[in-house]
PDB file of all heavy atoms in Angstrom:
ATOM      1  N   GLU A   1       8.261 -18.809  36.326  1.00  0.00           N
ATOM      2  CA  GLU A   1       8.562 -17.619  37.125  1.00  0.00           C
ATOM      3  C   GLU A   1       9.218 -18.037  38.427  1.00  0.00           C
ATOM      4  O   GLU A   1       8.680 -18.790  39.231  1.00  0.00           O
ATOM      5  CB  GLU A   1       7.287 -16.832  37.449  1.00  0.00           C
ATOM      6  CG  GLU A   1       7.565 -15.572  38.268  1.00  0.00           C
ATOM      7  CD  GLU A   1       6.304 -14.795  38.592  1.00  0.00           C
ATOM      8  OE1 GLU A   1       5.302 -14.990  37.862  1.00  0.00           O
ATOM      9  OE2 GLU A   1       6.324 -14.021  39.573  1.00  0.00           O
ATOM     10  N   VAL A   2      10.475 -17.573  38.623  1.00  0.00           N
ATOM     11  CA  VAL A   2      11.222 -17.893  39.818  1.00  0.00           C
ATOM     12  C   VAL A   2      11.726 -16.589  40.436  1.00  0.00           C
ATOM     13  O   VAL A   2      12.389 -15.812  39.796  1.00  0.00           O
ATOM     14  CB  VAL A   2      12.435 -18.820  39.506  1.00  0.00           C
ATOM     15  CG1 VAL A   2      13.202 -19.135  40.772  1.00  0.00           C
ATOM     16  CG2 VAL A   2      11.979 -20.087  38.818  1.00  0.00           C
ATOM     17  N   ASN A   3      11.352 -16.387  41.701  1.00  0.00           N
ATOM     18  CA  ASN A   3      11.820 -15.212  42.401  1.00  0.00           C
ATOM     19  C   ASN A   3      11.451 -13.916  41.645  1.00  0.00           C
ATOM     20  O   ASN A   3      12.217 -12.960  41.631  1.00  0.00           O
ATOM     21  CB  ASN A   3      13.353 -15.275  42.587  1.00  0.00           C
ATOM     22  CG  ASN A   3      13.827 -14.365  43.704  1.00  0.00           C
ATOM     23  OD1 ASN A   3      13.075 -14.020  44.605  1.00  0.00           O
ATOM     24  ND2 ASN A   3      15.085 -13.944  43.638  1.00  0.00           N
ATOM     25  N   GLY A   4      10.262 -13.915  41.039  1.00  0.00           N
ATOM     26  CA  GLY A   4       9.797 -12.734  40.328  1.00  0.00           C
ATOM     27  C   GLY A   4      10.348 -12.559  38.942  1.00  0.00           C
ATOM     28  O   GLY A   4       9.988 -11.622  38.230  1.00  0.00           O
ATOM     29  N   VAL A   5      11.192 -13.486  38.480  1.00  0.00           N
ATOM     30  CA  VAL A   5      11.758 -13.423  37.127  1.00  0.00           C
ATOM     31  C   VAL A   5      11.115 -14.458  36.251  1.00  0.00           C
ATOM     32  O   VAL A   5      11.088 -15.645  36.583  1.00  0.00           O
ATOM     33  CB  VAL A   5      13.305 -13.651  37.188  1.00  0.00           C
ATOM     34  CG1 VAL A   5      13.872 -13.644  35.786  1.00  0.00           C
ATOM     35  CG2 VAL A   5      13.972 -12.596  38.042  1.00  0.00           C
ATOM     36  N   VAL A   6      10.571 -14.033  35.124  1.00  0.00           N
ATOM     37  CA  VAL A   6       9.929 -14.934  34.197  1.00  0.00           C
ATOM     38  C   VAL A   6      10.941 -15.372  33.134  1.00  0.00           C
ATOM     39  O   VAL A   6      11.606 -14.534  32.534  1.00  0.00           O
ATOM     40  CB  VAL A   6       8.696 -14.248  33.501  1.00  0.00           C
ATOM     41  CG1 VAL A   6       7.984 -15.280  32.601  1.00  0.00           C
ATOM     42  CG2 VAL A   6       7.743 -13.720  34.542  1.00  0.00           C
ATOM     43  N   MET A   7      11.045 -16.691  32.947  1.00  0.00           N
ATOM     44  CA  MET A   7      12.009 -17.216  31.999  1.00  0.00           C
ATOM     45  C   MET A   7      11.403 -18.317  31.166  1.00  0.00           C
ATOM     46  O   MET A   7      10.348 -18.887  31.521  1.00  0.00           O
ATOM     47  CB  MET A   7      13.242 -17.750  32.774  1.00  0.00           C
ATOM     48  CG  MET A   7      12.948 -18.955  33.657  1.00  0.00           C
ATOM     49  SD  MET A   7      14.381 -19.542  34.577  1.00  0.00           S
ATOM     50  CE  MET A   7      14.584 -18.223  35.767  1.00  0.00           C
ATOM     51  N   ALA A   8      12.021 -18.593  30.061  1.00  0.00           N
ATOM     52  CA  ALA A   8      11.656 -19.724  29.210  1.00  0.00           C
ATOM     53  C   ALA A   8      12.721 -20.788  29.354  1.00  0.00           C
ATOM     54  O   ALA A   8      13.914 -20.495  29.447  1.00  0.00           O
ATOM     55  CB  ALA A   8      11.526 -19.309  27.754  1.00  0.00           C
ATOM     56  N   ILE A   9      12.302 -22.063  29.406  1.00  0.00           N
ATOM     57  CA  ILE A   9      13.235 -23.176  29.423  1.00  0.00           C
ATOM     58  C   ILE A   9      12.959 -24.037  28.208  1.00  0.00           C
ATOM     59  O   ILE A   9      11.821 -24.425  27.981  1.00  0.00           O
ATOM     60  CB  ILE A   9      13.058 -24.015  30.715  1.00  0.00           C
ATOM     61  CG1 ILE A   9      13.298 -23.151  31.961  1.00  0.00           C
ATOM     62  CG2 ILE A   9      13.993 -25.224  30.718  1.00  0.00           C
ATOM     63  CD1 ILE A   9      13.046 -23.875  33.266  1.00  0.00           C
ATOM     64  N   ALA A  10      13.998 -24.279  27.407  1.00  0.00           N
ATOM     65  CA  ALA A  10      13.832 -25.033  26.164  1.00  0.00           C
ATOM     66  C   ALA A  10      14.729 -26.248  26.178  1.00  0.00           C
ATOM     67  O   ALA A  10      15.826 -26.259  26.800  1.00  0.00           O
ATOM     68  CB  ALA A  10      14.208 -24.142  24.989  1.00  0.00           C
ATOM     69  N   ARG A  11      14.240 -27.306  25.539  1.00  0.00           N
ATOM     70  CA  ARG A  11      15.070 -28.497  25.333  1.00  0.00           C
ATOM     71  C   ARG A  11      15.406 -28.598  23.865  1.00  0.00           C
ATOM     72  O   ARG A  11      14.512 -28.719  23.016  1.00  0.00           O
ATOM     73  CB  ARG A  11      14.348 -29.746  25.789  1.00  0.00           C
ATOM     74  CG  ARG A  11      15.264 -30.979  25.810  1.00  0.00           C
ATOM     75  CD  ARG A  11      14.499 -32.271  26.121  1.00  0.00           C
ATOM     76  NE  ARG A  11      13.845 -32.258  27.406  1.00  0.00           N
ATOM     77  CZ  ARG A  11      14.447 -32.590  28.574  1.00  0.00           C
ATOM     78  NH1 ARG A  11      15.693 -32.922  28.568  1.00  0.00           N
ATOM     79  NH2 ARG A  11      13.750 -32.561  29.685  1.00  0.00           N
ATOM     80  N   ILE A  12      16.694 -28.523  23.568  1.00  0.00           N
ATOM     81  CA  ILE A  12      17.183 -28.526  22.179  1.00  0.00           C
ATOM     82  C   ILE A  12      18.260 -29.598  22.062  1.00  0.00           C
ATOM     83  O   ILE A  12      19.285 -29.524  22.744  1.00  0.00           O
ATOM     84  CB  ILE A  12      17.742 -27.171  21.759  1.00  0.00           C
ATOM     85  CG1 ILE A  12      16.655 -26.069  21.911  1.00  0.00           C
ATOM     86  CG2 ILE A  12      18.275 -27.197  20.325  1.00  0.00           C
ATOM     87  CD1 ILE A  12      17.159 -24.683  21.651  1.00  0.00           C
ATOM     88  N   GLU A  13      18.012 -30.575  21.238  1.00  0.00           N
ATOM     89  CA  GLU A  13      18.918 -31.725  21.042  1.00  0.00           C
ATOM     90  C   GLU A  13      19.316 -32.326  22.378  1.00  0.00           C
ATOM     91  O   GLU A  13      20.486 -32.639  22.623  1.00  0.00           O
ATOM     92  CB  GLU A  13      20.157 -31.260  20.243  1.00  0.00           C
ATOM     93  CG  GLU A  13      19.829 -30.800  18.837  1.00  0.00           C
ATOM     94  CD  GLU A  13      21.059 -30.402  18.045  1.00  0.00           C
ATOM     95  OE1 GLU A  13      22.166 -30.404  18.652  1.00  0.00           O
ATOM     96  OE2 GLU A  13      20.949 -30.089  16.853  1.00  0.00           O
ATOM     97  N   GLY A  14      18.343 -32.435  23.255  1.00  0.00           N
ATOM     98  CA  GLY A  14      18.557 -33.073  24.547  1.00  0.00           C
ATOM     99  C   GLY A  14      19.064 -32.176  25.629  1.00  0.00           C
ATOM    100  O   GLY A  14      18.981 -32.516  26.820  1.00  0.00           O
ATOM    101  N   ALA A  15      19.613 -31.024  25.276  1.00  0.00           N
ATOM    102  CA  ALA A  15      20.179 -30.103  26.284  1.00  0.00           C
ATOM    103  C   ALA A  15      19.138 -29.100  26.732  1.00  0.00           C
ATOM    104  O   ALA A  15      18.234 -28.733  25.981  1.00  0.00           O
ATOM    105  CB  ALA A  15      21.378 -29.385  25.707  1.00  0.00           C
ATOM    106  N   LEU A  16      19.260 -28.615  27.979  1.00  0.00           N
ATOM    107  CA  LEU A  16      18.360 -27.640  28.521  1.00  0.00           C
ATOM    108  C   LEU A  16      18.981 -26.254  28.519  1.00  0.00           C
ATOM    109  O   LEU A  16      20.165 -26.078  28.803  1.00  0.00           O
ATOM    110  CB  LEU A  16      18.001 -27.992  29.966  1.00  0.00           C
ATOM    111  CG  LEU A  16      17.182 -29.293  30.180  1.00  0.00           C
ATOM    112  CD1 LEU A  16      17.043 -29.563  31.660  1.00  0.00           C
ATOM    113  CD2 LEU A  16      15.818 -29.210  29.514  1.00  0.00           C
ATOM    114  N   TYR A  17      18.156 -25.258  28.167  1.00  0.00           N
ATOM    115  CA  TYR A  17      18.598 -23.874  28.153  1.00  0.00           C
ATOM    116  C   TYR A  17      17.489 -23.012  28.821  1.00  0.00           C
ATOM    117  O   TYR A  17      16.315 -23.244  28.592  1.00  0.00           O
ATOM    118  CB  TYR A  17      18.837 -23.378  26.733  1.00  0.00           C
ATOM    119  CG  TYR A  17      19.879 -24.178  25.980  1.00  0.00           C
ATOM    120  CD1 TYR A  17      19.493 -25.240  25.158  1.00  0.00           C
ATOM    121  CD2 TYR A  17      21.217 -23.908  26.134  1.00  0.00           C
ATOM    122  CE1 TYR A  17      20.426 -26.000  24.488  1.00  0.00           C
ATOM    123  CE2 TYR A  17      22.184 -24.660  25.452  1.00  0.00           C
ATOM    124  CZ  TYR A  17      21.784 -25.679  24.627  1.00  0.00           C
ATOM    125  OH  TYR A  17      22.717 -26.444  23.977  1.00  0.00           O
ATOM    126  N   ALA A  18      17.924 -22.058  29.623  1.00  0.00           N
ATOM    127  CA  ALA A  18      16.999 -21.150  30.288  1.00  0.00           C
ATOM    128  C   ALA A  18      17.386 -19.716  29.953  1.00  0.00           C
ATOM    129  O   ALA A  18      18.543 -19.335  30.054  1.00  0.00           O
ATOM    130  CB  ALA A  18      17.014 -21.367  31.785  1.00  0.00           C
ATOM    131  N   PHE A  19      16.397 -18.916  29.556  1.00  0.00           N
ATOM    132  CA  PHE A  19      16.666 -17.539  29.154  1.00  0.00           C
ATOM    133  C   PHE A  19      15.434 -16.730  29.446  1.00  0.00           C
ATOM    134  O   PHE A  19      14.319 -17.253  29.635  1.00  0.00           O
ATOM    135  CB  PHE A  19      17.039 -17.462  27.674  1.00  0.00           C
ATOM    136  CG  PHE A  19      16.094 -18.259  26.771  1.00  0.00           C
ATOM    137  CD1 PHE A  19      14.980 -17.704  26.183  1.00  0.00           C
ATOM    138  CD2 PHE A  19      16.392 -19.604  26.518  1.00  0.00           C
ATOM    139  CE1 PHE A  19      14.155 -18.436  25.378  1.00  0.00           C
ATOM    140  CE2 PHE A  19      15.547 -20.370  25.697  1.00  0.00           C
ATOM    141  CZ  PHE A  19      14.437 -19.781  25.124  1.00  0.00           C
ATOM    142  N   GLN A  20      15.587 -15.399  29.475  1.00  0.00           N
ATOM    143  CA  GLN A  20      14.459 -14.557  29.853  1.00  0.00           C
ATOM    144  C   GLN A  20      13.306 -14.722  28.859  1.00  0.00           C
ATOM    145  O   GLN A  20      13.510 -14.929  27.670  1.00  0.00           O
ATOM    146  CB  GLN A  20      14.885 -13.120  29.955  1.00  0.00           C
ATOM    147  CG  GLN A  20      15.162 -12.422  28.639  1.00  0.00           C
ATOM    148  CD  GLN A  20      15.594 -10.974  28.830  1.00  0.00           C
ATOM    149  OE1 GLN A  20      16.630 -10.720  29.422  1.00  0.00           O
ATOM    150  NE2 GLN A  20      14.826 -10.034  28.326  1.00  0.00           N
ATOM    151  N   GLU A  21      12.111 -14.645  29.365  1.00  0.00           N
ATOM    152  CA  GLU A  21      10.919 -14.902  28.575  1.00  0.00           C
ATOM    153  C   GLU A  21      10.651 -13.824  27.553  1.00  0.00           C
ATOM    154  O   GLU A  21      10.233 -14.076  26.418  1.00  0.00           O
ATOM    155  CB  GLU A  21       9.698 -15.058  29.506  1.00  0.00           C
ATOM    156  CG  GLU A  21       8.338 -14.938  28.860  1.00  0.00           C
ATOM    157  CD  GLU A  21       7.962 -16.078  27.921  1.00  0.00           C
ATOM    158  OE1 GLU A  21       8.840 -16.846  27.524  1.00  0.00           O
ATOM    159  OE2 GLU A  21       6.784 -16.173  27.581  1.00  0.00           O
ATOM    160  N   PHE A  22      10.899 -12.569  27.884  1.00  0.00           N
ATOM    161  CA  PHE A  22      10.426 -11.473  27.046  1.00  0.00           C
ATOM    162  C   PHE A  22      11.550 -10.907  26.184  1.00  0.00           C
ATOM    163  O   PHE A  22      12.634 -10.571  26.680  1.00  0.00           O
ATOM    164  CB  PHE A  22       9.798 -10.376  27.906  1.00  0.00           C
ATOM    165  CG  PHE A  22       8.617 -10.875  28.694  1.00  0.00           C
ATOM    166  CD1 PHE A  22       8.708 -11.027  30.058  1.00  0.00           C
ATOM    167  CD2 PHE A  22       7.444 -11.269  28.056  1.00  0.00           C
ATOM    168  CE1 PHE A  22       7.625 -11.489  30.815  1.00  0.00           C
ATOM    169  CE2 PHE A  22       6.368 -11.757  28.771  1.00  0.00           C
ATOM    170  CZ  PHE A  22       6.469 -11.859  30.180  1.00  0.00           C
ATOM    171  N   CYS A  23      11.254 -10.778  24.889  1.00  0.00           N
ATOM    172  CA  CYS A  23      12.226 -10.268  23.909  1.00  0.00           C
ATOM    173  C   CYS A  23      12.637  -8.845  24.320  1.00  0.00           C
ATOM    174  O   CYS A  23      11.837  -8.051  24.825  1.00  0.00           O
ATOM    175  CB  CYS A  23      11.562 -10.261  22.543  1.00  0.00           C
ATOM    176  SG  CYS A  23      12.597  -9.535  21.227  1.00  0.00           S
ATOM    177  N   THR A  24      13.881  -8.513  24.080  1.00  0.00           N
ATOM    178  CA  THR A  24      14.406  -7.179  24.451  1.00  0.00           C
ATOM    179  C   THR A  24      13.993  -6.102  23.490  1.00  0.00           C
ATOM    180  O   THR A  24      14.324  -4.938  23.691  1.00  0.00           O
ATOM    181  CB  THR A  24      15.948  -7.244  24.546  1.00  0.00           C
ATOM    182  OG1 THR A  24      16.451  -7.678  23.270  1.00  0.00           O
ATOM    183  CG2 THR A  24      16.414  -8.177  25.642  1.00  0.00           C
ATOM    184  N   HIS A  25      13.286  -6.461  22.416  1.00  0.00           N
ATOM    185  CA  HIS A  25      12.793  -5.457  21.469  1.00  0.00           C
ATOM    186  C   HIS A  25      11.452  -4.897  21.909  1.00  0.00           C
ATOM    187  O   HIS A  25      11.363  -3.745  22.346  1.00  0.00           O
ATOM    188  CB  HIS A  25      12.679  -6.058  20.076  1.00  0.00           C
ATOM    189  CG  HIS A  25      12.067  -5.170  19.069  1.00  0.00           C
ATOM    190  ND1 HIS A  25      11.020  -5.583  18.248  1.00  0.00           N
ATOM    191  CD2 HIS A  25      12.322  -3.903  18.723  1.00  0.00           C
ATOM    192  CE1 HIS A  25      10.699  -4.588  17.451  1.00  0.00           C
ATOM    193  NE2 HIS A  25      11.453  -3.541  17.732  1.00  0.00           N
ATOM    194  N   ARG A  26      10.383  -5.719  21.843  1.00  0.00           N
ATOM    195  CA  ARG A  26       9.053  -5.258  22.257  1.00  0.00           C
ATOM    196  C   ARG A  26       8.358  -6.257  23.181  1.00  0.00           C
ATOM    197  O   ARG A  26       7.154  -6.355  23.206  1.00  0.00           O
ATOM    198  CB  ARG A  26       8.180  -4.978  21.035  1.00  0.00           C
ATOM    199  CG  ARG A  26       8.617  -3.757  20.197  1.00  0.00           C
ATOM    200  CD  ARG A  26       8.437  -2.467  20.952  1.00  0.00           C
ATOM    201  NE  ARG A  26       7.072  -2.204  21.330  1.00  0.00           N
ATOM    202  CZ  ARG A  26       6.186  -1.642  20.514  1.00  0.00           C
ATOM    203  NH1 ARG A  26       6.507  -1.284  19.292  1.00  0.00           N
ATOM    204  NH2 ARG A  26       4.942  -1.397  20.972  1.00  0.00           N
ATOM    205  N   TYR A  27       9.149  -7.058  23.885  1.00  0.00           N
ATOM    206  CA  TYR A  27       8.637  -7.952  24.924  1.00  0.00           C
ATOM    207  C   TYR A  27       7.780  -9.095  24.406  1.00  0.00           C
ATOM    208  O   TYR A  27       6.860  -9.582  25.061  1.00  0.00           O
ATOM    209  CB  TYR A  27       7.843  -7.160  25.962  1.00  0.00           C
ATOM    210  CG  TYR A  27       8.592  -5.978  26.536  1.00  0.00           C
ATOM    211  CD1 TYR A  27       8.262  -4.692  26.134  1.00  0.00           C
ATOM    212  CD2 TYR A  27       9.656  -6.171  27.391  1.00  0.00           C
ATOM    213  CE1 TYR A  27       8.978  -3.582  26.607  1.00  0.00           C
ATOM    214  CE2 TYR A  27      10.368  -5.084  27.894  1.00  0.00           C
ATOM    215  CZ  TYR A  27      10.049  -3.803  27.511  1.00  0.00           C
ATOM    216  OH  TYR A  27      10.757  -2.728  27.969  1.00  0.00           O
ATOM    217  N   GLY A  28       8.119  -9.568  23.217  1.00  0.00           N
ATOM    218  CA  GLY A  28       7.420 -10.748  22.697  1.00  0.00           C
ATOM    219  C   GLY A  28       7.735 -11.974  23.544  1.00  0.00           C
ATOM    220  O   GLY A  28       8.847 -12.104  24.073  1.00  0.00           O
ATOM    221  N   PRO A  29       6.769 -12.886  23.710  1.00  0.00           N
ATOM    222  CA  PRO A  29       6.962 -14.082  24.570  1.00  0.00           C
ATOM    223  C   PRO A  29       7.791 -15.146  23.869  1.00  0.00           C
ATOM    224  O   PRO A  29       7.306 -15.866  22.993  1.00  0.00           O
ATOM    225  CB  PRO A  29       5.508 -14.578  24.824  1.00  0.00           C
ATOM    226  CG  PRO A  29       4.780 -14.138  23.588  1.00  0.00           C
ATOM    227  CD  PRO A  29       5.378 -12.820  23.163  1.00  0.00           C
ATOM    228  N   LEU A  30       9.038 -15.262  24.246  1.00  0.00           N
ATOM    229  CA  LEU A  30       9.949 -16.150  23.566  1.00  0.00           C
ATOM    230  C   LEU A  30       9.621 -17.615  23.736  1.00  0.00           C
ATOM    231  O   LEU A  30      10.024 -18.456  22.929  1.00  0.00           O
ATOM    232  CB  LEU A  30      11.387 -15.865  24.002  1.00  0.00           C
ATOM    233  CG  LEU A  30      11.922 -14.472  23.656  1.00  0.00           C
ATOM    234  CD1 LEU A  30      13.343 -14.284  24.147  1.00  0.00           C
ATOM    235  CD2 LEU A  30      11.839 -14.219  22.151  1.00  0.00           C
ATOM    236  N   SER A  31       8.877 -17.957  24.807  1.00  0.00           N
ATOM    237  CA  SER A  31       8.490 -19.352  24.988  1.00  0.00           C
ATOM    238  C   SER A  31       7.544 -19.812  23.871  1.00  0.00           C
ATOM    239  O   SER A  31       7.360 -21.021  23.698  1.00  0.00           O
ATOM    240  CB  SER A  31       7.827 -19.528  26.368  1.00  0.00           C
ATOM    241  OG  SER A  31       6.598 -18.802  26.441  1.00  0.00           O
TER     242      SER A  31
END
């Protein structure tokens, strides 16, 4: 959570990706 925004950070094949934590359908926790 940064500045009130909750996000997930993933490491895939060595690269980092950050995206919002909650699914846009029914707010499932993507992390």
